[in-house]
C-alpha atoms as a PDB file:
ATOM      1  CA  MET A   1      -4.667 -16.758 -21.493  1.00  0.00           C
ATOM      2  CA  PRO A   2      -8.424 -16.806 -21.470  1.00  0.00           C
ATOM      3  CA  VAL A   3      -9.887 -14.505 -18.691  1.00  0.00           C
ATOM      4  CA  ALA A   4     -12.070 -16.591 -16.479  1.00  0.00           C
ATOM      5  CA  TRP A   5     -14.657 -14.397 -15.715  1.00  0.00           C
ATOM      6  CA  ASN A   6     -15.927 -10.759 -16.096  1.00  0.00           C
ATOM      7  CA  SER A   7     -17.976  -8.240 -14.336  1.00  0.00           C
ATOM      8  CA  ALA A   8     -21.271  -8.901 -16.174  1.00  0.00           C
ATOM      9  CA  GLU A   9     -21.459 -12.198 -14.796  1.00  0.00           C
ATOM     10  CA  ILE A  10     -21.978 -10.762 -11.271  1.00  0.00           C
ATOM     11  CA  LEU A  11     -24.994 -12.489  -9.804  1.00  0.00           C
ATOM     12  CA  TYR A  12     -27.445 -10.338  -7.970  1.00  0.00           C
ATOM     13  CA  LEU A  13     -29.118 -13.012  -5.958  1.00  0.00           C
ATOM     14  CA  LYS A  14     -32.884 -13.492  -5.496  1.00  0.00           C
ATOM     15  CA  GLY A  15     -34.877 -11.495  -2.972  1.00  0.00           C
ATOM     16  CA  ARG A  16     -31.992  -8.787  -2.300  1.00  0.00           C
ATOM     17  CA  ASN A  17     -34.316  -5.983  -2.926  1.00  0.00           C
ATOM     18  CA  ALA A  18     -36.930  -7.233  -0.537  1.00  0.00           C
ATOM     19  CA  LYS A  19     -38.099  -4.627   2.230  1.00  0.00           C
ATOM     20  CA  ARG A  20     -35.971  -5.118   5.388  1.00  0.00           C
ATOM     21  CA  LYS A  21     -36.537  -3.912   8.873  1.00  0.00           C
ATOM     22  CA  PRO A  22     -34.380  -1.210  10.163  1.00  0.00           C
ATOM     23  CA  LEU A  23     -30.910  -2.379  11.264  1.00  0.00           C
ATOM     24  CA  LEU A  24     -29.474  -1.701  14.571  1.00  0.00           C
ATOM     25  CA  MET A  25     -25.886  -2.270  13.463  1.00  0.00           C
ATOM     26  CA  LYS A  26     -23.205  -0.680  11.257  1.00  0.00           C
ATOM     27  CA  ASN A  27     -22.299  -1.420   7.555  1.00  0.00           C
ATOM     28  CA  LEU A  28     -19.762  -4.292   6.960  1.00  0.00           C
ATOM     29  CA  SER A  29     -16.776  -1.934   6.454  1.00  0.00           C
ATOM     30  CA  ASP A  30     -17.418  -0.301   9.770  1.00  0.00           C
ATOM     31  CA  ARG A  31     -18.100  -3.190  11.657  1.00  0.00           C
ATOM     32  CA  GLN A  32     -15.438  -4.481  14.421  1.00  0.00           C
ATOM     33  CA  GLU A  33     -17.668  -7.519  15.804  1.00  0.00           C
ATOM     34  CA  LEU A  34     -21.003  -8.761  15.677  1.00  0.00           C
ATOM     35  CA  PRO A  35     -23.208  -6.217  17.416  1.00  0.00           C
ATOM     36  CA  GLU A  36     -23.857  -6.900  21.176  1.00  0.00           C
ATOM     37  CA  ALA A  37     -27.605  -7.315  20.812  1.00  0.00           C
ATOM     38  CA  LEU A  38     -27.042 -10.333  18.376  1.00  0.00           C
ATOM     39  CA  ARG A  39     -24.452 -12.137  20.567  1.00  0.00           C
ATOM     40  CA  VAL A  40     -27.305 -13.510  23.097  1.00  0.00           C
ATOM     41  CA  LEU A  41     -26.726 -17.175  21.741  1.00  0.00           C
ATOM     42  CA  LEU A  42     -22.964 -16.848  21.278  1.00  0.00           C
ATOM     43  CA  ASP A  43     -22.766 -15.948  25.002  1.00  0.00           C
ATOM     44  CA  GLU A  44     -24.536 -19.042  25.473  1.00  0.00           C
ATOM     45  CA  TYR A  45     -22.569 -21.151  23.078  1.00  0.00           C
ATOM     46  CA  PRO A  46     -18.984 -19.562  22.746  1.00  0.00           C
ATOM     47  CA  ARG A  47     -16.521 -20.801  20.220  1.00  0.00           C
ATOM     48  CA  GLU A  48     -14.520 -22.733  22.220  1.00  0.00           C
ATOM     49  CA  SER A  49     -17.617 -24.918  23.161  1.00  0.00           C
ATOM     50  CA  TRP A  50     -18.736 -25.578  19.424  1.00  0.00           C
ATOM     51  CA  GLU A  51     -16.945 -28.851  18.772  1.00  0.00           C
ATOM     52  CA  SER A  52     -18.007 -30.262  22.005  1.00  0.00           C
ATOM     53  CA  SER A  53     -21.511 -29.704  21.538  1.00  0.00           C
ATOM     54  CA  ASP A  54     -23.644 -32.975  20.593  1.00  0.00           C
ATOM     55  CA  ASN A  55     -25.241 -30.783  17.823  1.00  0.00           C
ATOM     56  CA  PHE A  56     -22.040 -30.211  16.127  1.00  0.00           C
ATOM     57  CA  GLY A  57     -22.591 -32.222  13.251  1.00  0.00           C
ATOM     58  CA  ALA A  58     -21.931 -32.521   9.391  1.00  0.00           C
ATOM     59  CA  LEU A  59     -23.853 -29.184   8.215  1.00  0.00           C
ATOM     60  CA  ILE A  60     -21.850 -27.089  10.649  1.00  0.00           C
ATOM     61  CA  ARG A  61     -18.572 -28.630   9.783  1.00  0.00           C
ATOM     62  CA  PHE A  62     -19.276 -28.144   5.889  1.00  0.00           C
ATOM     63  CA  TRP A  63     -20.241 -24.539   6.488  1.00  0.00           C
ATOM     64  CA  LEU A  64     -17.054 -23.843   8.433  1.00  0.00           C
ATOM     65  CA  ASP A  65     -14.997 -25.749   5.923  1.00  0.00           C
ATOM     66  CA  ARG A  66     -16.494 -23.502   3.273  1.00  0.00           C
ATOM     67  CA  HIS A  67     -15.453 -20.350   5.141  1.00  0.00           C
ATOM     68  CA  MET A  68     -11.953 -21.691   5.602  1.00  0.00           C
ATOM     69  CA  MET A  69     -11.749 -22.454   1.880  1.00  0.00           C
ATOM     70  CA  PHE A  70     -12.881 -18.752   0.999  1.00  0.00           C
ATOM     71  CA  ARG A  71      -9.979 -17.585   3.610  1.00  0.00           C
ATOM     72  CA  LYS A  72      -7.371 -19.774   1.869  1.00  0.00           C
ATOM     73  CA  LEU A  73      -8.242 -18.642  -1.531  1.00  0.00           C
ATOM     74  CA  MET A  74      -7.919 -14.893  -0.619  1.00  0.00           C
ATOM     75  CA  ALA A  75      -4.632 -15.504   1.285  1.00  0.00           C
ATOM     76  CA  SER A  76      -3.439 -17.499  -1.688  1.00  0.00           C
ATOM     77  CA  LEU A  77      -4.420 -14.575  -4.054  1.00  0.00           C
ATOM     78  CA  GLN A  78      -2.735 -12.113  -1.881  1.00  0.00           C
ATOM     79  CA  ASP A  79       0.477 -14.072  -1.746  1.00  0.00           C
ATOM     80  CA  GLU A  80       0.994 -14.833  -5.202  1.00  0.00           C
ATOM     81  CA  THR A  81       0.389 -11.456  -6.100  1.00  0.00           C
ATOM     82  CA  GLU A  82       2.995 -10.246  -3.713  1.00  0.00           C
ATOM     83  CA  ARG A  83       5.629 -12.795  -4.975  1.00  0.00           C
ATOM     84  CA  ALA A  84       5.125 -11.580  -8.447  1.00  0.00           C
ATOM     85  CA  LEU A  85       5.579  -7.992  -7.471  1.00  0.00           C
ATOM     86  CA  ASP A  86       8.665  -8.810  -5.653  1.00  0.00           C
ATOM     87  CA  GLY A  87      10.039 -10.641  -8.639  1.00  0.00           C
ATOM     88  CA  ASN A  88       9.704 -14.123  -7.269  1.00  0.00           C
ATOM     89  CA  LEU A  89       6.913 -15.213  -9.740  1.00  0.00           C
ATOM     90  CA  ASP A  90       6.582 -15.252 -13.451  1.00  0.00           C
ATOM     91  CA  ALA A  91       3.787 -12.940 -14.646  1.00  0.00           C
ATOM     92  CA  ARG A  92       2.311 -15.470 -16.792  1.00  0.00           C
ATOM     93  CA  MET A  93       2.314 -17.842 -13.790  1.00  0.00           C
ATOM     94  CA  LEU A  94       0.610 -15.029 -11.691  1.00  0.00           C
ATOM     95  CA  GLY A  95      -1.961 -14.734 -14.381  1.00  0.00           C
ATOM     96  CA  ASN A  96      -2.565 -18.521 -14.465  1.00  0.00           C
ATOM     97  CA  ARG A  97      -3.074 -18.685 -10.755  1.00  0.00           C
ATOM     98  CA  VAL A  98      -5.212 -15.558 -10.487  1.00  0.00           C
ATOM     99  CA  SER A  99      -7.573 -16.956 -13.262  1.00  0.00           C
ATOM    100  CA  ARG A 100      -7.668 -20.488 -11.288  1.00  0.00           C
ATOM    101  CA  TYR A 101      -7.973 -19.123  -7.759  1.00  0.00           C
ATOM    102  CA  GLY A 102     -10.164 -16.106  -8.574  1.00  0.00           C
ATOM    103  CA  SER A 103     -12.665 -17.883 -10.683  1.00  0.00           C
ATOM    104  CA  MET A 104     -13.138 -20.418  -7.960  1.00  0.00           C
ATOM    105  CA  LEU A 105     -13.388 -17.768  -5.346  1.00  0.00           C
ATOM    106  CA  VAL A 106     -16.196 -15.952  -7.323  1.00  0.00           C
ATOM    107  CA  GLY A 107     -18.110 -19.004  -8.150  1.00  0.00           C
ATOM    108  CA  GLU A 108     -17.872 -20.560  -4.962  1.00  0.00           C
ATOM    109  CA  LEU A 109     -19.007 -17.258  -3.117  1.00  0.00           C
ATOM    110  CA  HIS A 110     -21.888 -16.765  -5.291  1.00  0.00           C
ATOM    111  CA  GLY A 111     -23.194 -20.342  -5.025  1.00  0.00           C
ATOM    112  CA  HIS A 112     -22.680 -20.096  -1.237  1.00  0.00           C
ATOM    113  CA  HIS A 113     -24.544 -16.958  -0.875  1.00  0.00           C
ATOM    114  CA  ASN A 114     -27.358 -18.018  -2.962  1.00  0.00           C
ATOM    115  CA  VAL A 115     -27.921 -21.177  -0.956  1.00  0.00           C
ATOM    116  CA  GLU A 116     -27.743 -18.985   2.286  1.00  0.00           C
ATOM    117  CA  ASP A 117     -30.195 -16.356   1.126  1.00  0.00           C
ATOM    118  CA  VAL A 118     -32.824 -18.606  -0.682  1.00  0.00           C
ATOM    119  CA  HIS A 119     -32.662 -21.840   1.528  1.00  0.00           C
ATOM    120  CA  TYR A 120     -30.899 -21.346   4.997  1.00  0.00           C
ATOM    121  CA  PHE A 121     -31.699 -17.877   6.279  1.00  0.00           C
ATOM    122  CA  PRO A 122     -35.203 -17.784   5.773  1.00  0.00           C
ATOM    123  CA  ARG A 123     -35.568 -21.050   7.864  1.00  0.00           C
ATOM    124  CA  LEU A 124     -32.971 -19.934  10.550  1.00  0.00           C
ATOM    125  CA  ARG A 125     -34.524 -16.644  11.056  1.00  0.00           C
ATOM    126  CA  GLN A 126     -37.687 -18.207  12.300  1.00  0.00           C
ATOM    127  CA  LEU A 127     -36.012 -19.843  15.228  1.00  0.00           C
ATOM    128  CA  ASP A 128     -35.267 -16.930  17.591  1.00  0.00           C
ATOM    129  CA  ALA A 129     -36.469 -13.627  17.581  1.00  0.00           C
ATOM    130  CA  ARG A 130     -33.938 -12.287  19.686  1.00  0.00           C
ATOM    131  CA  ILE A 131     -31.478 -12.536  16.378  1.00  0.00           C
ATOM    132  CA  GLU A 132     -33.984 -12.185  13.797  1.00  0.00           C
ATOM    133  CA  THR A 133     -32.398  -8.805  12.619  1.00  0.00           C
ATOM    134  CA  GLY A 134     -29.051 -10.517  12.479  1.00  0.00           C
ATOM    135  CA  PHE A 135     -29.989 -12.039   9.095  1.00  0.00           C
ATOM    136  CA  ASP A 136     -30.773  -8.759   7.748  1.00  0.00           C
ATOM    137  CA  LEU A 137     -27.157  -7.771   8.550  1.00  0.00           C
ATOM    138  CA  LEU A 138     -25.983 -10.825   6.734  1.00  0.00           C
ATOM    139  CA  ASP A 139     -28.201  -9.999   3.849  1.00  0.00           C
ATOM    140  CA  SER A 140     -26.879  -6.260   3.826  1.00  0.00           C
ATOM    141  CA  ASP A 141     -23.248  -7.978   3.872  1.00  0.00           C
ATOM    142  CA  HIS A 142     -24.216  -9.917   0.710  1.00  0.00           C
ATOM    143  CA  HIS A 143     -25.171  -6.799  -0.893  1.00  0.00           C
ATOM    144  CA  ALA A 144     -21.847  -4.861   0.076  1.00  0.00           C
ATOM    145  CA  LEU A 145     -20.105  -8.055  -0.975  1.00  0.00           C
ATOM    146  CA  ASP A 146     -21.370  -8.146  -4.383  1.00  0.00           C
ATOM    147  CA  GLY A 147     -19.918  -4.831  -5.107  1.00  0.00           C
ATOM    148  CA  MET A 148     -16.648  -5.622  -3.788  1.00  0.00           C
ATOM    149  CA  ILE A 149     -16.733  -9.005  -5.981  1.00  0.00           C
ATOM    150  CA  GLU A 150     -17.429  -6.547  -8.900  1.00  0.00           C
ATOM    151  CA  ALA A 151     -14.412  -4.623  -8.202  1.00  0.00           C
ATOM    152  CA  PHE A 152     -12.388  -7.637  -7.717  1.00  0.00           C
ATOM    153  CA  THR A 153     -13.105  -8.984 -11.015  1.00  0.00           C
ATOM    154  CA  GLY A 154     -12.742  -5.713 -12.822  1.00  0.00           C
ATOM    155  CA  ASP A 155      -9.104  -5.408 -11.104  1.00  0.00           C
ATOM    156  CA  ALA A 156      -8.261  -8.944 -11.860  1.00  0.00           C
ATOM    157  CA  ASN A 157      -9.311  -8.778 -15.616  1.00  0.00           C
ATOM    158  CA  LYS A 158      -7.277  -5.492 -16.243  1.00  0.00           C
ATOM    159  CA  MET A 159      -4.112  -7.344 -14.718  1.00  0.00           C
ATOM    160  CA  LEU A 160      -4.944 -10.579 -16.697  1.00  0.00           C
ATOM    161  CA  GLY A 161      -5.281  -8.479 -19.974  1.00  0.00           C
ATOM    162  CA  ALA A 162      -1.998  -6.883 -19.388  1.00  0.00           C
ATOM    163  CA  VAL A 163      -0.488 -10.171 -18.686  1.00  0.00           C
ATOM    164  CA  THR A 164      -1.914 -11.670 -21.829  1.00  0.00           C
ATOM    165  CA  SER A 165      -1.086  -8.922 -24.062  1.00  0.00           C
ATOM    166  CA  GLY A 166       2.466  -8.761 -22.753  1.00  0.00           C
ATOM    167  CA  SER A 167       2.066  -5.048 -21.724  1.00  0.00           C
ATOM    168  CA  ASP A 168       3.049  -3.498 -18.557  1.00  0.00           C
ATOM    169  CA  TRP A 169       1.160  -5.669 -15.721  1.00  0.00           C
ATOM    170  CA  ARG A 170       2.969  -4.475 -12.727  1.00  0.00           C
ATOM    171  CA  ALA A 171       0.669  -1.235 -12.367  1.00  0.00           C
ATOM    172  CA  PRO A 172      -2.603  -3.335 -12.567  1.00  0.00           C
ATOM    173  CA  ALA A 173      -1.290  -5.965 -10.311  1.00  0.00           C
ATOM    174  CA  GLU A 174      -0.583  -3.410  -7.635  1.00  0.00           C
ATOM    175  CA  VAL A 175      -4.060  -1.978  -7.981  1.00  0.00           C
ATOM    176  CA  PHE A 176      -5.106  -5.560  -7.741  1.00  0.00           C
ATOM    177  CA  ARG A 177      -3.094  -6.196  -4.739  1.00  0.00           C
ATOM    178  CA  LYS A 178      -4.537  -3.087  -2.682  1.00  0.00           C
ATOM    179  CA  GLY A 179      -7.963  -4.074  -3.763  1.00  0.00           C
ATOM    180  CA  LEU A 180      -7.454  -7.587  -2.097  1.00  0.00           C
ATOM    181  CA  ILE A 181      -6.532  -6.070   1.113  1.00  0.00           C
ATOM    182  CA  GLY A 182      -9.717  -4.553   1.741  1.00  0.00           C
ATOM    183  CA  PHE A 183     -11.871  -7.360   0.211  1.00  0.00           C
ATOM    184  CA  GLU A 184     -10.164  -9.897   2.418  1.00  0.00           C
ATOM    185  CA  ARG A 185     -10.541  -7.826   5.467  1.00  0.00           C
ATOM    186  CA  ASN A 186     -14.572  -7.179   4.673  1.00  0.00           C
ATOM    187  CA  LEU A 187     -14.961 -10.988   3.550  1.00  0.00           C
ATOM    188  CA  ASP A 188     -13.306 -11.808   6.819  1.00  0.00           C
ATOM    189  CA  ARG A 189     -15.347  -9.738   9.189  1.00  0.00           C
ATOM    190  CA  HIS A 190     -18.620 -11.095   7.194  1.00  0.00           C
ATOM    191  CA  LEU A 191     -17.615 -14.641   7.547  1.00  0.00           C
ATOM    192  CA  VAL A 192     -16.654 -14.485  11.348  1.00  0.00           C
ATOM    193  CA  ASP A 193     -20.158 -12.554  12.364  1.00  0.00           C
ATOM    194  CA  GLU A 194     -21.751 -15.271  10.191  1.00  0.00           C
ATOM    195  CA  GLU A 195     -20.452 -17.946  12.208  1.00  0.00           C
ATOM    196  CA  ASP A 196     -21.016 -16.079  15.388  1.00  0.00           C
ATOM    197  CA  LEU A 197     -24.686 -15.841  14.555  1.00  0.00           C
ATOM    198  CA  ILE A 198     -25.403 -19.154  12.759  1.00  0.00           C
ATOM    199  CA  VAL A 199     -23.517 -21.702  14.702  1.00  0.00           C
ATOM    200  CA  PRO A 200     -25.038 -21.215  17.941  1.00  0.00           C
ATOM    201  CA  VAL A 201     -28.488 -21.171  16.574  1.00  0.00           C
ATOM    202  CA  LEU A 202     -27.867 -24.541  14.922  1.00  0.00           C
ATOM    203  CA  LEU A 203     -26.441 -25.658  18.148  1.00  0.00           C
ATOM    204  CA  LYS A 204     -29.327 -24.587  20.220  1.00  0.00           C
ATOM    205  CA  TYR A 205     -32.302 -25.543  18.165  1.00  0.00           C
ATOM    206  CA  ALA A 206     -30.692 -28.357  15.709  1.00  0.00           C
ATOM    207  CA  PRO A 207     -33.749 -27.981  13.255  1.00  0.00           C
ATOM    208  CA  ALA A 208     -34.183 -31.438  11.788  1.00  0.00           C
ATOM    209  CA  ASP A 209     -34.984 -30.309   8.356  1.00  0.00           C
ATOM    210  CA  LEU A 210     -31.711 -28.512   8.099  1.00  0.00           C
ATOM    211  CA  MET A 211     -29.191 -30.865  10.226  1.00  0.00           C
END
């Protein structure tokens, strides 16, 4: 069974080392919600009102759909690994699914973050000075997620290697499962905060060059 990716493929995106303003928020793994100072537009455009807004168009729908895809891939990886560890899924089938879902997750996350960092964030941060530091927060999250993706690929490759060689796969699968828990939690925290920052700014200003 070919391994679909390796740690050396981790992409460090353009502009990650640029000098940033001091952040007034906690690191990704410490946050419980978007910092209060950055919720000014969310208070004006709460989640329950998004879809009824005249500016809730194709770009926002696409963005939210991508985020939902990431959540579903993470849930599938967790579910398939637990099924295999419980004896309800063959190890080789687990390997096939982790290779397919994991490769898709890593590739799509990198592509998504690259578009955000290079195209969307530089434009959106210009629209409202009150939330400008929020884009520093999201950039910091992307740095943190790079490390989590690298750990994810390393754990997955160890498990896939064990499955392919016919050696004991359960121990590396358990390590992989435990790593997924933290990765899933932190990724979802980032996605929720990104949505709470970006969707309101798009609804309020609807920049024609993006919408």
